[in-house]
């Protein structure tokens, strides 16, 4: 069973991965892809905020 630290690391990694894909989708003007990724972004952001993770340094999108 994963520890809470492992779960948090996975969530942060997922958050950063989704952001990278969002930036690419925005650059390519892939509106539907961006909107889909934004749902994942907002879910991960909410989970990380509730968990007490400071997103100031890692949140590149800031939506």
N, C-alpha and C. Protein backbone atom coordinates (compact mmCIF):
# COMPACT_ATOMS: atom_id res chain seq x y z
N UNK A 1 0.86 -1.19 0.00
CA UNK A 1 0.00 0.00 0.00
C UNK A 1 0.90 1.24 0.00
N UNK A 2 0.60 2.21 -0.89
CA UNK A 2 1.45 3.40 -0.96
C UNK A 2 1.28 4.28 0.28
N UNK A 3 2.36 4.94 0.63
CA UNK A 3 2.31 5.88 1.76
C UNK A 3 1.67 7.19 1.29
N UNK A 4 1.31 8.03 2.23
CA UNK A 4 0.69 9.31 1.87
C UNK A 4 1.68 10.18 1.08
N UNK A 5 2.96 10.07 1.39
CA UNK A 5 3.98 10.82 0.65
C UNK A 5 4.04 10.36 -0.80
N UNK A 6 3.95 9.07 -1.02
CA UNK A 6 3.96 8.53 -2.38
C UNK A 6 2.73 8.98 -3.17
N UNK A 7 1.60 9.00 -2.49
CA UNK A 7 0.36 9.44 -3.13
C UNK A 7 0.46 10.92 -3.50
N UNK A 8 1.01 11.74 -2.61
CA UNK A 8 1.16 13.17 -2.88
C UNK A 8 2.14 13.40 -4.02
N UNK A 9 3.23 12.66 -4.04
CA UNK A 9 4.20 12.81 -5.14
C UNK A 9 3.54 12.46 -6.46
N UNK A 10 2.76 11.40 -6.50
CA UNK A 10 2.07 11.01 -7.72
C UNK A 10 1.09 12.10 -8.17
N UNK A 11 0.39 12.70 -7.22
CA UNK A 11 -0.56 13.77 -7.55
C UNK A 11 0.16 15.00 -8.10
N UNK A 12 1.27 15.36 -7.48
CA UNK A 12 2.05 16.50 -7.96
C UNK A 12 2.60 16.20 -9.36
N UNK A 13 3.11 15.00 -9.56
CA UNK A 13 3.62 14.61 -10.88
C UNK A 13 2.51 14.68 -11.93
N UNK A 14 1.32 14.18 -11.59
CA UNK A 14 0.17 14.25 -12.51
C UNK A 14 -0.21 15.69 -12.80
N UNK A 15 -0.19 16.52 -11.77
CA UNK A 15 -0.53 17.94 -11.92
C UNK A 15 0.43 18.61 -12.90
N UNK A 16 1.71 18.36 -12.74
CA UNK A 16 2.70 18.96 -13.62
C UNK A 16 2.58 18.42 -15.05
N UNK A 17 2.28 17.13 -15.19
CA UNK A 17 2.12 16.52 -16.51
C UNK A 17 0.92 17.13 -17.23
N UNK A 18 -0.19 17.28 -16.53
CA UNK A 18 -1.39 17.87 -17.12
C UNK A 18 -1.11 19.30 -17.56
N UNK A 19 -0.39 20.04 -16.75
CA UNK A 19 -0.06 21.42 -17.11
C UNK A 19 0.78 21.48 -18.38
N UNK A 20 1.76 20.58 -18.49
CA UNK A 20 2.60 20.56 -19.70
C UNK A 20 1.73 20.32 -20.94
N UNK A 21 0.81 19.36 -20.83
CA UNK A 21 -0.06 19.05 -21.96
C UNK A 21 -1.03 20.20 -22.24
N UNK A 22 -1.47 20.90 -21.21
CA UNK A 22 -2.35 22.05 -21.41
C UNK A 22 -1.62 23.16 -22.18
N UNK A 23 -0.38 23.40 -21.83
CA UNK A 23 0.39 24.44 -22.51
C UNK A 23 0.60 24.09 -23.98
N UNK A 24 0.85 22.82 -24.26
CA UNK A 24 1.00 22.37 -25.64
C UNK A 24 -0.32 22.52 -26.39
N UNK A 25 -1.41 22.09 -25.76
CA UNK A 25 -2.73 22.19 -26.40
C UNK A 25 -3.09 23.65 -26.69
N UNK A 26 -2.76 24.53 -25.77
CA UNK A 26 -3.05 25.95 -25.98
C UNK A 26 -2.24 26.49 -27.15
N UNK A 27 -0.96 26.12 -27.20
CA UNK A 27 -0.07 26.57 -28.28
C UNK A 27 -0.58 26.08 -29.63
N UNK A 28 -1.09 24.87 -29.67
CA UNK A 28 -1.58 24.27 -30.91
C UNK A 28 -3.04 24.64 -31.21
N UNK A 29 -3.62 25.44 -30.33
CA UNK A 29 -5.02 25.86 -30.45
C UNK A 29 -5.97 24.66 -30.48
N UNK A 30 -5.66 23.67 -29.67
CA UNK A 30 -6.50 22.47 -29.55
C UNK A 30 -7.51 22.73 -28.43
N UNK A 31 -8.57 23.40 -28.77
CA UNK A 31 -9.55 23.91 -27.80
C UNK A 31 -10.20 22.78 -27.01
N UNK A 32 -10.64 21.75 -27.68
CA UNK A 32 -11.32 20.65 -26.99
C UNK A 32 -10.36 19.88 -26.09
N UNK A 33 -9.15 19.67 -26.56
CA UNK A 33 -8.15 18.98 -25.75
C UNK A 33 -7.82 19.81 -24.51
N UNK A 34 -7.66 21.11 -24.70
CA UNK A 34 -7.37 22.00 -23.58
C UNK A 34 -8.50 21.95 -22.55
N UNK A 35 -9.72 22.00 -23.00
CA UNK A 35 -10.88 21.97 -22.09
C UNK A 35 -10.93 20.66 -21.31
N UNK A 36 -10.62 19.56 -21.98
CA UNK A 36 -10.61 18.27 -21.31
C UNK A 36 -9.51 18.20 -20.25
N UNK A 37 -8.33 18.67 -20.62
CA UNK A 37 -7.21 18.68 -19.68
C UNK A 37 -7.49 19.62 -18.51
N UNK A 38 -8.21 20.71 -18.77
CA UNK A 38 -8.50 21.67 -17.70
C UNK A 38 -9.34 21.03 -16.60
N UNK A 39 -10.23 20.11 -16.97
CA UNK A 39 -11.01 19.40 -15.95
C UNK A 39 -10.10 18.59 -15.03
N UNK A 40 -9.13 17.90 -15.62
CA UNK A 40 -8.16 17.14 -14.82
C UNK A 40 -7.33 18.09 -13.96
N UNK A 41 -6.91 19.19 -14.56
CA UNK A 41 -6.11 20.20 -13.87
C UNK A 41 -6.84 20.72 -12.63
N UNK A 42 -8.11 21.08 -12.80
CA UNK A 42 -8.88 21.63 -11.68
C UNK A 42 -9.11 20.58 -10.58
N UNK A 43 -9.34 19.34 -10.97
CA UNK A 43 -9.52 18.28 -9.98
C UNK A 43 -8.24 18.05 -9.18
N UNK A 44 -7.12 17.95 -9.89
CA UNK A 44 -5.85 17.75 -9.20
C UNK A 44 -5.50 18.95 -8.33
N UNK A 45 -5.78 20.14 -8.81
CA UNK A 45 -5.49 21.36 -8.04
C UNK A 45 -6.30 21.37 -6.74
N UNK A 46 -7.56 20.98 -6.83
CA UNK A 46 -8.41 20.94 -5.64
C UNK A 46 -7.88 19.92 -4.63
N UNK A 47 -7.52 18.74 -5.11
CA UNK A 47 -6.99 17.70 -4.22
C UNK A 47 -5.70 18.17 -3.55
N UNK A 48 -4.81 18.77 -4.32
CA UNK A 48 -3.55 19.23 -3.75
C UNK A 48 -3.76 20.38 -2.76
N UNK A 49 -4.69 21.28 -3.07
CA UNK A 49 -4.98 22.38 -2.14
C UNK A 49 -5.51 21.86 -0.82
N UNK A 50 -6.46 20.93 -0.88
CA UNK A 50 -7.04 20.36 0.33
C UNK A 50 -5.98 19.61 1.13
N UNK A 51 -5.02 19.05 0.42
CA UNK A 51 -3.95 18.29 1.08
C UNK A 51 -2.85 19.18 1.64
N UNK A 52 -2.97 20.47 1.41
CA UNK A 52 -2.01 21.41 1.98
C UNK A 52 -0.77 21.64 1.14
N UNK A 53 -0.78 21.22 -0.12
CA UNK A 53 0.37 21.43 -0.99
C UNK A 53 0.36 22.88 -1.48
N UNK A 54 1.50 23.56 -1.34
CA UNK A 54 1.64 24.93 -1.80
C UNK A 54 1.91 24.89 -3.31
N UNK A 55 0.96 25.38 -4.08
CA UNK A 55 1.06 25.33 -5.54
C UNK A 55 1.70 26.57 -6.15
N UNK A 56 2.09 27.51 -5.34
CA UNK A 56 2.63 28.78 -5.83
C UNK A 56 3.77 28.57 -6.83
N UNK A 57 4.67 27.68 -6.52
CA UNK A 57 5.84 27.47 -7.37
C UNK A 57 5.57 26.58 -8.57
N UNK A 58 4.62 25.66 -8.46
CA UNK A 58 4.46 24.67 -9.53
C UNK A 58 3.26 24.92 -10.43
N UNK A 59 2.39 25.85 -10.08
CA UNK A 59 1.21 26.11 -10.90
C UNK A 59 1.56 27.11 -12.00
N UNK A 60 1.79 26.59 -13.21
CA UNK A 60 2.15 27.45 -14.35
C UNK A 60 0.94 28.02 -15.04
N UNK A 61 -0.21 27.38 -14.91
CA UNK A 61 -1.41 27.78 -15.62
C UNK A 61 -2.15 28.89 -14.87
N UNK A 62 -2.30 28.75 -13.59
CA UNK A 62 -2.94 29.73 -12.68
C UNK A 62 -4.37 30.05 -13.10
N UNK A 63 -5.16 29.02 -13.37
CA UNK A 63 -6.59 29.22 -13.69
C UNK A 63 -7.43 28.76 -12.54
